[in-house]
Amino acid sequence: MSRSIEAGKPGANAKKRVFFALWPDEPTRTALHHLARGVDVGGRGVPRAHLHLTLAFPGTIDAARADCLAERLPSLHFDPIPILLDRLGHFAGARVAWAGPSHCPGELRRLAEQARGLCLACGVETDDRPFEPHVSLRRFARPPAVDAPESPIHWFADSLVLVESGCGGHPGAYRVLACRTRG
């Protein structure tokens, strides 16, 4: 059970760096980990425990807003979503190599919109960049030489999480604050 921190109480100014994501099951996580290790782009692999598909990134927010997001996570309605990770790509500015679907399922796009709507309902603005579903595989990476993995990954996404990254608003280890699993 989450609790809100009242303004003026100790810890009222605590910060959390959070995001909504689809969380891979173990077979999918294993396949993503192997893909990240096998793609020839240099850089550093994303830790196995950090592999996920971000739906919305509220960023660094106060603890009370993070509590609001955690408490309202069950209101996000979705059925398990079949996702085919059949594309490799690269974000040049962030120097991140990633895997994603060549076609974004409508259910996935709707869930991302719901997550952004929940952020707004809790008083949190998110960036207005278009949703581009992907799983970051390697950081400080070059663009992949090919645009598709040798073996696409079939993911039946049924676990939605709110994750805190790091501590006190600074990036670091992940901790699941709230989870909703469908199936």
N, C-alpha and C. Protein backbone atom coordinates (compact mmCIF):
# COMPACT_ATOMS: atom_id res chain seq x y z
N MET A 1 0.84 -1.18 0.00
CA MET A 1 0.00 0.00 0.00
C MET A 1 0.88 1.23 0.00
N SER A 2 0.64 2.15 -0.92
CA SER A 2 1.39 3.39 -0.99
C SER A 2 0.78 4.40 -0.03
N ARG A 3 1.59 5.35 0.38
CA ARG A 3 1.06 6.43 1.20
C ARG A 3 1.52 7.74 0.61
N SER A 4 0.73 8.76 0.81
CA SER A 4 1.11 10.09 0.35
C SER A 4 1.85 10.79 1.47
N ILE A 5 2.74 11.67 1.10
CA ILE A 5 3.46 12.48 2.08
C ILE A 5 2.84 13.86 2.07
N GLU A 6 2.41 14.31 3.22
CA GLU A 6 1.79 15.62 3.31
C GLU A 6 2.85 16.69 3.24
N ALA A 7 2.50 17.83 2.61
CA ALA A 7 3.42 18.97 2.54
C ALA A 7 3.76 19.40 3.95
N GLY A 8 5.01 19.72 4.18
CA GLY A 8 5.46 20.19 5.47
C GLY A 8 5.93 19.08 6.39
N LYS A 9 5.64 17.84 6.10
CA LYS A 9 6.09 16.71 6.92
C LYS A 9 7.51 16.33 6.50
N PRO A 10 8.26 15.66 7.38
CA PRO A 10 9.59 15.20 6.97
C PRO A 10 9.48 14.33 5.72
N GLY A 11 10.37 14.55 4.79
CA GLY A 11 10.37 13.78 3.55
C GLY A 11 9.45 14.33 2.47
N ALA A 12 8.74 15.45 2.78
CA ALA A 12 7.79 16.00 1.82
C ALA A 12 8.47 16.44 0.53
N ASN A 13 9.75 16.78 0.61
CA ASN A 13 10.48 17.24 -0.57
C ASN A 13 11.26 16.11 -1.23
N ALA A 14 11.06 14.86 -0.78
CA ALA A 14 11.77 13.71 -1.36
C ALA A 14 11.42 13.61 -2.84
N LYS A 15 12.41 13.23 -3.64
CA LYS A 15 12.23 13.10 -5.07
C LYS A 15 12.40 11.64 -5.48
N LYS A 16 11.67 11.26 -6.53
CA LYS A 16 11.80 9.94 -7.12
C LYS A 16 11.85 10.09 -8.62
N ARG A 17 12.72 9.32 -9.26
CA ARG A 17 12.83 9.29 -10.72
C ARG A 17 12.08 8.04 -11.16
N VAL A 18 10.93 8.23 -11.85
CA VAL A 18 10.05 7.10 -12.12
C VAL A 18 9.66 7.02 -13.60
N PHE A 19 9.21 5.82 -14.00
CA PHE A 19 8.66 5.63 -15.34
C PHE A 19 7.70 4.45 -15.33
N PHE A 20 6.73 4.49 -16.27
CA PHE A 20 5.83 3.37 -16.51
C PHE A 20 6.43 2.52 -17.61
N ALA A 21 6.35 1.19 -17.46
CA ALA A 21 6.94 0.32 -18.47
C ALA A 21 6.22 -1.02 -18.53
N LEU A 22 6.38 -1.67 -19.68
CA LEU A 22 6.03 -3.08 -19.78
C LEU A 22 7.28 -3.84 -19.36
N TRP A 23 7.08 -4.82 -18.48
CA TRP A 23 8.17 -5.56 -17.86
C TRP A 23 8.22 -6.95 -18.47
N PRO A 24 9.32 -7.34 -19.07
CA PRO A 24 9.39 -8.66 -19.74
C PRO A 24 9.30 -9.83 -18.76
N ASP A 25 8.66 -10.90 -19.21
CA ASP A 25 8.69 -12.16 -18.47
C ASP A 25 10.11 -12.73 -18.64
N GLU A 26 10.43 -13.77 -17.91
CA GLU A 26 11.80 -14.30 -17.94
C GLU A 26 12.25 -14.80 -19.31
N PRO A 27 11.43 -15.55 -20.06
CA PRO A 27 11.90 -15.96 -21.40
C PRO A 27 12.19 -14.76 -22.32
N THR A 28 11.34 -13.75 -22.25
CA THR A 28 11.56 -12.56 -23.09
C THR A 28 12.80 -11.81 -22.62
N ARG A 29 12.95 -11.68 -21.31
CA ARG A 29 14.13 -10.99 -20.75
C ARG A 29 15.41 -11.72 -21.18
N THR A 30 15.39 -13.04 -21.16
CA THR A 30 16.55 -13.83 -21.58
C THR A 30 16.85 -13.58 -23.06
N ALA A 31 15.81 -13.59 -23.90
CA ALA A 31 16.01 -13.35 -25.33
C ALA A 31 16.56 -11.94 -25.58
N LEU A 32 16.04 -10.95 -24.86
CA LEU A 32 16.53 -9.57 -25.01
C LEU A 32 17.99 -9.47 -24.55
N HIS A 33 18.30 -10.13 -23.46
CA HIS A 33 19.67 -10.11 -22.95
C HIS A 33 20.64 -10.71 -23.97
N HIS A 34 20.26 -11.84 -24.56
CA HIS A 34 21.11 -12.47 -25.58
C HIS A 34 21.25 -11.57 -26.82
N LEU A 35 20.15 -10.93 -27.21
CA LEU A 35 20.21 -10.00 -28.35
C LEU A 35 21.16 -8.85 -28.03
N ALA A 36 21.04 -8.28 -26.83
CA ALA A 36 21.91 -7.16 -26.43
C ALA A 36 23.38 -7.56 -26.44
N ARG A 37 23.66 -8.79 -26.02
CA ARG A 37 25.05 -9.27 -26.00
C ARG A 37 25.56 -9.56 -27.40
N GLY A 38 24.65 -9.92 -28.32
CA GLY A 38 25.07 -10.34 -29.65
C GLY A 38 25.10 -9.26 -30.71
N VAL A 39 24.43 -8.14 -30.47
CA VAL A 39 24.40 -7.09 -31.48
C VAL A 39 25.75 -6.36 -31.49
N ASP A 40 26.34 -6.20 -32.68
CA ASP A 40 27.68 -5.65 -32.82
C ASP A 40 27.62 -4.13 -32.99
N VAL A 41 27.51 -3.44 -31.84
CA VAL A 41 27.41 -1.97 -31.88
C VAL A 41 28.34 -1.32 -30.85
N GLY A 42 29.14 -2.15 -30.16
CA GLY A 42 30.01 -1.60 -29.12
C GLY A 42 29.19 -1.14 -27.93
N GLY A 43 29.79 -0.27 -27.15
CA GLY A 43 29.08 0.28 -26.00
C GLY A 43 28.95 -0.69 -24.85
N ARG A 44 28.03 -0.36 -23.97
CA ARG A 44 27.80 -1.13 -22.75
C ARG A 44 26.38 -1.66 -22.75
N GLY A 45 26.23 -2.94 -22.49
CA GLY A 45 24.90 -3.55 -22.45
C GLY A 45 24.07 -3.03 -21.30
N VAL A 46 22.78 -2.84 -21.54
CA VAL A 46 21.85 -2.49 -20.47
C VAL A 46 21.79 -3.70 -19.54
N PRO A 47 21.89 -3.50 -18.22
CA PRO A 47 21.82 -4.65 -17.31
C PRO A 47 20.55 -5.47 -17.53
N ARG A 48 20.68 -6.76 -17.45
CA ARG A 48 19.56 -7.68 -17.68
C ARG A 48 18.32 -7.26 -16.88
N ALA A 49 18.49 -6.90 -15.63
CA ALA A 49 17.38 -6.53 -14.76
C ALA A 49 16.73 -5.20 -15.15
N HIS A 50 17.35 -4.44 -16.02
CA HIS A 50 16.82 -3.14 -16.42
C HIS A 50 16.11 -3.17 -17.78
N LEU A 51 16.05 -4.30 -18.44
CA LEU A 51 15.41 -4.38 -19.76
C LEU A 51 13.90 -4.20 -19.61
N HIS A 52 13.33 -3.27 -20.39
CA HIS A 52 11.91 -2.94 -20.32
C HIS A 52 11.52 -2.11 -21.54
N LEU A 53 10.22 -1.90 -21.72
CA LEU A 53 9.71 -1.02 -22.77
C LEU A 53 8.96 0.13 -22.08
N THR A 54 9.51 1.33 -22.16
CA THR A 54 8.93 2.49 -21.50
C THR A 54 7.65 2.92 -22.19
N LEU A 55 6.60 3.16 -21.37
CA LEU A 55 5.32 3.68 -21.86
C LEU A 55 5.20 5.17 -21.65
N ALA A 56 5.66 5.63 -20.50
CA ALA A 56 5.63 7.06 -20.16
C ALA A 56 6.74 7.32 -19.15
N PHE A 57 7.34 8.50 -19.26
CA PHE A 57 8.46 8.85 -18.39
C PHE A 57 8.15 10.14 -17.65
N PRO A 58 7.53 10.02 -16.46
CA PRO A 58 7.29 11.24 -15.67
C PRO A 58 8.59 11.91 -15.24
N GLY A 59 9.66 11.15 -15.07
CA GLY A 59 10.95 11.72 -14.68
C GLY A 59 11.07 11.89 -13.18
N THR A 60 11.83 12.90 -12.77
CA THR A 60 12.05 13.15 -11.35
C THR A 60 10.90 14.00 -10.81
N ILE A 61 10.16 13.42 -9.88
CA ILE A 61 8.97 14.07 -9.32
C ILE A 61 8.99 13.92 -7.81
N ASP A 62 8.13 14.69 -7.13
CA ASP A 62 8.08 14.56 -5.68
C ASP A 62 7.41 13.23 -5.29
N ALA A 63 7.71 12.77 -4.08
CA ALA A 63 7.25 11.46 -3.62
C ALA A 63 5.73 11.36 -3.61
N ALA A 64 5.03 12.44 -3.28
CA ALA A 64 3.57 12.40 -3.23
C ALA A 64 2.99 12.11 -4.61
N ARG A 65 3.57 12.69 -5.66
CA ARG A 65 3.09 12.42 -7.02
C ARG A 65 3.42 10.99 -7.44
N ALA A 66 4.59 10.51 -7.03
CA ALA A 66 4.94 9.11 -7.32
C ALA A 66 3.97 8.17 -6.62
N ASP A 67 3.58 8.51 -5.39
CA ASP A 67 2.59 7.71 -4.67
C ASP A 67 1.26 7.71 -5.42
N CYS A 68 0.86 8.87 -5.93
CA CYS A 68 -0.38 8.97 -6.70
C CYS A 68 -0.33 8.04 -7.91
N LEU A 69 0.79 8.05 -8.63
CA LEU A 69 0.93 7.17 -9.80
C LEU A 69 0.84 5.70 -9.40
N ALA A 70 1.52 5.34 -8.31
CA ALA A 70 1.50 3.94 -7.84
C ALA A 70 0.09 3.51 -7.44
N GLU A 71 -0.61 4.40 -6.73
CA GLU A 71 -1.97 4.07 -6.26
C GLU A 71 -2.95 3.92 -7.42
N ARG A 72 -2.72 4.68 -8.49
CA ARG A 72 -3.66 4.67 -9.62
C ARG A 72 -3.26 3.71 -10.74
N LEU A 73 -2.11 3.07 -10.62
CA LEU A 73 -1.68 2.12 -11.65
C LEU A 73 -2.75 1.08 -11.97
N PRO A 74 -3.47 0.53 -10.96
CA PRO A 74 -4.50 -0.48 -11.28
C PRO A 74 -5.62 0.05 -12.19
N SER A 75 -5.76 1.36 -12.31
CA SER A 75 -6.82 1.91 -13.17
C SER A 75 -6.47 1.82 -14.66
N LEU A 76 -5.22 1.49 -14.98
CA LEU A 76 -4.83 1.34 -16.38
C LEU A 76 -5.31 -0.01 -16.88
N HIS A 77 -6.20 0.02 -17.85
CA HIS A 77 -6.82 -1.20 -18.37
C HIS A 77 -6.11 -1.67 -19.63
N PHE A 78 -5.76 -2.95 -19.64
CA PHE A 78 -5.15 -3.52 -20.84
C PHE A 78 -5.28 -5.03 -20.80
N ASP A 79 -5.29 -5.62 -21.95
CA ASP A 79 -5.19 -7.06 -22.09
C ASP A 79 -3.75 -7.35 -22.50
N PRO A 80 -3.26 -8.56 -22.30
CA PRO A 80 -1.90 -8.88 -22.75
C PRO A 80 -1.73 -8.48 -24.22
N ILE A 81 -0.58 -7.91 -24.51
CA ILE A 81 -0.32 -7.34 -25.84
C ILE A 81 0.76 -8.15 -26.55
N PRO A 82 0.43 -8.74 -27.71
CA PRO A 82 1.49 -9.41 -28.48
C PRO A 82 2.35 -8.36 -29.19
N ILE A 83 3.64 -8.40 -28.93
CA ILE A 83 4.59 -7.46 -29.54
C ILE A 83 5.66 -8.27 -30.24
N LEU A 84 5.94 -7.93 -31.49
CA LEU A 84 7.00 -8.57 -32.24
C LEU A 84 8.17 -7.59 -32.34
N LEU A 85 9.25 -7.88 -31.63
CA LEU A 85 10.46 -7.05 -31.67
C LEU A 85 11.30 -7.53 -32.85
N ASP A 86 11.04 -6.89 -34.01
CA ASP A 86 11.65 -7.34 -35.26
C ASP A 86 12.47 -6.25 -35.94
N ARG A 87 12.84 -5.23 -35.19
CA ARG A 87 13.55 -4.10 -35.76
C ARG A 87 14.66 -3.66 -34.80
N LEU A 88 15.80 -3.30 -35.36
CA LEU A 88 16.89 -2.72 -34.58
C LEU A 88 17.03 -1.25 -34.97
N GLY A 89 17.40 -0.43 -34.02
CA GLY A 89 17.56 0.98 -34.31
C GLY A 89 18.55 1.62 -33.36
N HIS A 90 18.67 2.95 -33.50
CA HIS A 90 19.68 3.70 -32.75
C HIS A 90 19.18 5.11 -32.53
N PHE A 91 19.30 5.59 -31.30
CA PHE A 91 19.04 7.00 -31.01
C PHE A 91 20.40 7.68 -30.95
N ALA A 92 20.70 8.51 -31.95
CA ALA A 92 22.02 9.11 -32.08
C ALA A 92 22.38 10.00 -30.90
N GLY A 93 21.47 10.86 -30.48
CA GLY A 93 21.78 11.79 -29.38
C GLY A 93 22.10 11.07 -28.09
N ALA A 94 21.32 10.05 -27.77
CA ALA A 94 21.52 9.28 -26.54
C ALA A 94 22.55 8.17 -26.72
N ARG A 95 22.91 7.87 -27.98
CA ARG A 95 23.83 6.78 -28.32
C ARG A 95 23.36 5.44 -27.76
N VAL A 96 22.08 5.17 -28.02
CA VAL A 96 21.44 3.94 -27.53
C VAL A 96 21.02 3.08 -28.72
N ALA A 97 21.43 1.81 -28.70
CA ALA A 97 20.95 0.83 -29.68
C ALA A 97 19.75 0.13 -29.05
N TRP A 98 18.73 -0.12 -29.85
CA TRP A 98 17.49 -0.66 -29.31
C TRP A 98 16.86 -1.68 -30.25
N ALA A 99 15.89 -2.43 -29.69
CA ALA A 99 15.03 -3.33 -30.46
C ALA A 99 13.60 -2.86 -30.27
N GLY A 100 12.82 -2.94 -31.34
CA GLY A 100 11.43 -2.51 -31.26
C GLY A 100 10.59 -3.17 -32.33
N PRO A 101 9.29 -2.91 -32.30
CA PRO A 101 8.42 -3.47 -33.33
C PRO A 101 8.43 -2.60 -34.59
N SER A 102 8.41 -3.24 -35.76
CA SER A 102 8.29 -2.46 -37.00
C SER A 102 6.87 -1.93 -37.15
N HIS A 103 5.92 -2.58 -36.46
CA HIS A 103 4.52 -2.11 -36.43
C HIS A 103 4.09 -2.06 -34.96
N CYS A 104 3.66 -0.88 -34.52
CA CYS A 104 3.21 -0.71 -33.14
C CYS A 104 1.76 -1.15 -33.01
N PRO A 105 1.48 -2.18 -32.21
CA PRO A 105 0.09 -2.59 -32.02
C PRO A 105 -0.75 -1.45 -31.42
N GLY A 106 -1.98 -1.33 -31.89
CA GLY A 106 -2.87 -0.28 -31.38
C GLY A 106 -3.05 -0.35 -29.87
N GLU A 107 -3.12 -1.57 -29.32
CA GLU A 107 -3.28 -1.73 -27.87
C GLU A 107 -2.10 -1.14 -27.12
N LEU A 108 -0.91 -1.27 -27.69
CA LEU A 108 0.29 -0.73 -27.06
C LEU A 108 0.25 0.80 -27.05
N ARG A 109 -0.12 1.36 -28.18
CA ARG A 109 -0.23 2.82 -28.28
C ARG A 109 -1.27 3.35 -27.29
N ARG A 110 -2.42 2.66 -27.18
CA ARG A 110 -3.47 3.09 -26.24
C ARG A 110 -3.00 3.01 -24.80
N LEU A 111 -2.25 1.97 -24.46
CA LEU A 111 -1.75 1.84 -23.10
C LEU A 111 -0.77 2.97 -22.78
N ALA A 112 0.08 3.32 -23.72
CA ALA A 112 1.01 4.43 -23.52
C ALA A 112 0.24 5.74 -23.32
N GLU A 113 -0.84 5.93 -24.08
CA GLU A 113 -1.67 7.14 -23.91
C GLU A 113 -2.34 7.14 -22.54
N GLN A 114 -2.81 5.98 -22.08
CA GLN A 114 -3.41 5.88 -20.74
C GLN A 114 -2.38 6.24 -19.67
N ALA A 115 -1.15 5.76 -19.82
CA ALA A 115 -0.10 6.05 -18.84
C ALA A 115 0.20 7.54 -18.80
N ARG A 116 0.25 8.18 -19.96
CA ARG A 116 0.46 9.64 -19.98
C ARG A 116 -0.72 10.37 -19.35
N GLY A 117 -1.93 9.88 -19.60
CA GLY A 117 -3.12 10.47 -19.00
C GLY A 117 -3.10 10.35 -17.48
N LEU A 118 -2.63 9.22 -16.98
CA LEU A 118 -2.51 9.03 -15.54
C LEU A 118 -1.51 10.01 -14.95
N CYS A 119 -0.43 10.24 -15.67
CA CYS A 119 0.56 11.23 -15.21
C CYS A 119 -0.12 12.59 -15.05
N LEU A 120 -0.86 13.01 -16.06
CA LEU A 120 -1.55 14.30 -16.00
C LEU A 120 -2.54 14.35 -14.84
N ALA A 121 -3.26 13.24 -14.60
CA ALA A 121 -4.23 13.19 -13.51
C ALA A 121 -3.55 13.35 -12.15
N CYS A 122 -2.28 12.97 -12.05
CA CYS A 122 -1.52 13.11 -10.80
C CYS A 122 -0.70 14.40 -10.79
N GLY A 123 -0.93 15.28 -11.77
CA GLY A 123 -0.24 16.57 -11.79
C GLY A 123 1.17 16.52 -12.32
N VAL A 124 1.46 15.53 -13.17
CA VAL A 124 2.81 15.37 -13.72
C VAL A 124 2.77 15.56 -15.23
N GLU A 125 3.56 16.49 -15.73
CA GLU A 125 3.70 16.68 -17.17
C GLU A 125 4.70 15.67 -17.72
N THR A 126 4.43 15.16 -18.91
CA THR A 126 5.41 14.30 -19.60
C THR A 126 5.82 15.02 -20.88
N ASP A 127 6.91 14.55 -21.47
CA ASP A 127 7.33 15.19 -22.72
C ASP A 127 6.29 14.91 -23.81
N ASP A 128 6.33 15.69 -24.86
CA ASP A 128 5.32 15.53 -25.91
C ASP A 128 5.88 14.81 -27.14
N ARG A 129 7.01 14.12 -26.97
CA ARG A 129 7.56 13.36 -28.10
C ARG A 129 6.60 12.23 -28.46
N PRO A 130 6.50 11.90 -29.73
CA PRO A 130 5.65 10.76 -30.12
C PRO A 130 6.17 9.47 -29.49
N PHE A 131 5.24 8.59 -29.18
CA PHE A 131 5.58 7.30 -28.59
C PHE A 131 6.28 6.45 -29.64
N GLU A 132 7.49 6.00 -29.33
CA GLU A 132 8.24 5.10 -30.20
C GLU A 132 8.67 3.89 -29.37
N PRO A 133 7.86 2.81 -29.41
CA PRO A 133 8.15 1.68 -28.55
C PRO A 133 9.49 1.04 -28.88
N HIS A 134 10.29 0.81 -27.82
CA HIS A 134 11.60 0.19 -28.00
C HIS A 134 12.09 -0.33 -26.65
N VAL A 135 13.03 -1.25 -26.72
CA VAL A 135 13.75 -1.74 -25.55
C VAL A 135 15.21 -1.37 -25.76
N SER A 136 15.74 -0.53 -24.90
CA SER A 136 17.16 -0.16 -24.99
C SER A 136 18.01 -1.38 -24.71
N LEU A 137 18.98 -1.64 -25.60
CA LEU A 137 19.85 -2.82 -25.48
C LEU A 137 21.27 -2.45 -25.04
N ARG A 138 21.82 -1.38 -25.64
CA ARG A 138 23.21 -0.98 -25.35
C ARG A 138 23.31 0.54 -25.33
N ARG A 139 24.11 1.04 -24.40
CA ARG A 139 24.37 2.48 -24.29
C ARG A 139 25.77 2.78 -24.80
N PHE A 140 25.99 4.03 -25.21
CA PHE A 140 27.28 4.45 -25.78
C PHE A 140 27.60 3.60 -27.01
N ALA A 141 26.57 3.34 -27.80
CA ALA A 141 26.66 2.40 -28.92
C ALA A 141 26.68 3.11 -30.27
N ARG A 142 27.18 2.38 -31.26
CA ARG A 142 27.10 2.81 -32.66
C ARG A 142 25.77 2.31 -33.23
N PRO A 143 25.35 2.87 -34.36
CA PRO A 143 24.15 2.32 -35.01
C PRO A 143 24.40 0.87 -35.47
N PRO A 144 23.37 0.02 -35.39
CA PRO A 144 23.55 -1.36 -35.87
C PRO A 144 23.77 -1.38 -37.38
N ALA A 145 24.56 -2.36 -37.84
CA ALA A 145 24.83 -2.50 -39.27
C ALA A 145 23.62 -3.08 -40.02
N VAL A 146 22.72 -3.74 -39.29
CA VAL A 146 21.52 -4.33 -39.89
C VAL A 146 20.31 -3.70 -39.21
N ASP A 147 19.15 -3.76 -39.89
CA ASP A 147 17.97 -3.13 -39.31
C ASP A 147 16.99 -4.12 -38.67
N ALA A 148 17.41 -5.39 -38.58
CA ALA A 148 16.53 -6.40 -37.97
C ALA A 148 17.38 -7.45 -37.27
N PRO A 149 16.90 -7.97 -36.14
CA PRO A 149 17.63 -9.06 -35.49
C PRO A 149 17.52 -10.34 -36.32
N GLU A 150 18.48 -11.20 -36.17
CA GLU A 150 18.46 -12.48 -36.88
C GLU A 150 17.19 -13.27 -36.53
N SER A 151 16.83 -13.26 -35.26
CA SER A 151 15.61 -13.93 -34.79
C SER A 151 14.74 -12.92 -34.06
N PRO A 152 13.60 -12.53 -34.64
CA PRO A 152 12.71 -11.59 -33.94
C PRO A 152 12.26 -12.19 -32.60
N ILE A 153 11.96 -11.33 -31.67
CA ILE A 153 11.51 -11.75 -30.34
C ILE A 153 10.01 -11.55 -30.26
N HIS A 154 9.30 -12.63 -29.95
CA HIS A 154 7.85 -12.59 -29.77
C HIS A 154 7.59 -12.42 -28.28
N TRP A 155 6.95 -11.31 -27.92
CA TRP A 155 6.71 -10.98 -26.51
C TRP A 155 5.21 -10.83 -26.30
N PHE A 156 4.68 -11.57 -25.37
CA PHE A 156 3.28 -11.45 -24.97
C PHE A 156 3.30 -10.62 -23.69
N ALA A 157 3.25 -9.29 -23.84
CA ALA A 157 3.45 -8.36 -22.72
C ALA A 157 2.21 -8.34 -21.83
N ASP A 158 2.41 -8.77 -20.58
CA ASP A 158 1.27 -8.83 -19.66
C ASP A 158 1.58 -8.24 -18.29
N SER A 159 2.71 -7.58 -18.15
CA SER A 159 3.09 -7.01 -16.86
C SER A 159 3.45 -5.53 -17.02
N LEU A 160 2.66 -4.69 -16.35
CA LEU A 160 2.83 -3.24 -16.38
C LEU A 160 3.36 -2.80 -15.02
N VAL A 161 4.40 -1.97 -15.01
CA VAL A 161 5.02 -1.56 -13.76
C VAL A 161 5.26 -0.05 -13.71
N LEU A 162 5.33 0.45 -12.48
CA LEU A 162 5.87 1.78 -12.21
C LEU A 162 7.20 1.52 -11.52
N VAL A 163 8.28 2.03 -12.09
CA VAL A 163 9.62 1.76 -11.60
C VAL A 163 10.27 3.04 -11.11
N GLU A 164 10.97 2.92 -9.98
CA GLU A 164 11.83 4.01 -9.53
C GLU A 164 13.25 3.65 -9.96
N SER A 165 13.90 4.61 -10.61
CA SER A 165 15.26 4.41 -11.07
C SER A 165 16.19 5.18 -10.14
N GLY A 166 16.99 4.45 -9.38
CA GLY A 166 17.95 5.09 -8.49
C GLY A 166 17.33 5.48 -7.16
N CYS A 167 17.88 6.53 -6.59
CA CYS A 167 17.46 6.97 -5.27
C CYS A 167 17.53 8.49 -5.19
N GLY A 168 16.55 9.09 -4.56
CA GLY A 168 16.56 10.53 -4.37
C GLY A 168 16.51 11.32 -5.66
N GLY A 169 15.95 10.74 -6.70
CA GLY A 169 15.85 11.43 -7.98
C GLY A 169 17.05 11.27 -8.88
N HIS A 170 18.04 10.50 -8.46
CA HIS A 170 19.25 10.28 -9.26
C HIS A 170 19.21 8.89 -9.87
N PRO A 171 19.63 8.73 -11.15
CA PRO A 171 19.58 7.42 -11.81
C PRO A 171 20.37 6.36 -11.04
N GLY A 172 19.93 5.12 -11.19
CA GLY A 172 20.62 4.00 -10.54
C GLY A 172 19.81 2.73 -10.66
N ALA A 173 19.97 1.85 -9.68
CA ALA A 173 19.29 0.56 -9.67
C ALA A 173 17.77 0.76 -9.73
N TYR A 174 17.08 -0.22 -10.30
CA TYR A 174 15.63 -0.15 -10.45
C TYR A 174 14.92 -0.80 -9.27
N ARG A 175 13.78 -0.23 -8.91
CA ARG A 175 12.92 -0.80 -7.88
C ARG A 175 11.48 -0.65 -8.35
N VAL A 176 10.76 -1.76 -8.44
CA VAL A 176 9.36 -1.73 -8.87
C VAL A 176 8.52 -1.20 -7.71
N LEU A 177 7.80 -0.09 -7.96
CA LEU A 177 6.94 0.53 -6.95
C LEU A 177 5.52 -0.02 -7.00
N ALA A 178 5.05 -0.37 -8.19
CA ALA A 178 3.71 -0.92 -8.37
C ALA A 178 3.71 -1.77 -9.61
N CYS A 179 2.87 -2.81 -9.60
CA CYS A 179 2.83 -3.75 -10.72
C CYS A 179 1.40 -4.20 -10.96
N ARG A 180 1.07 -4.37 -12.23
CA ARG A 180 -0.22 -4.95 -12.61
C ARG A 180 0.07 -5.98 -13.69
N THR A 181 -0.35 -7.21 -13.42
CA THR A 181 -0.12 -8.30 -14.39
C THR A 181 -1.47 -8.76 -14.90
N ARG A 182 -1.54 -8.96 -16.20
CA ARG A 182 -2.76 -9.46 -16.87
C ARG A 182 -2.44 -10.82 -17.47
N GLY A 183 -3.45 -11.61 -17.61
CA GLY A 183 -3.18 -12.87 -18.29
C GLY A 183 -4.15 -13.95 -17.92
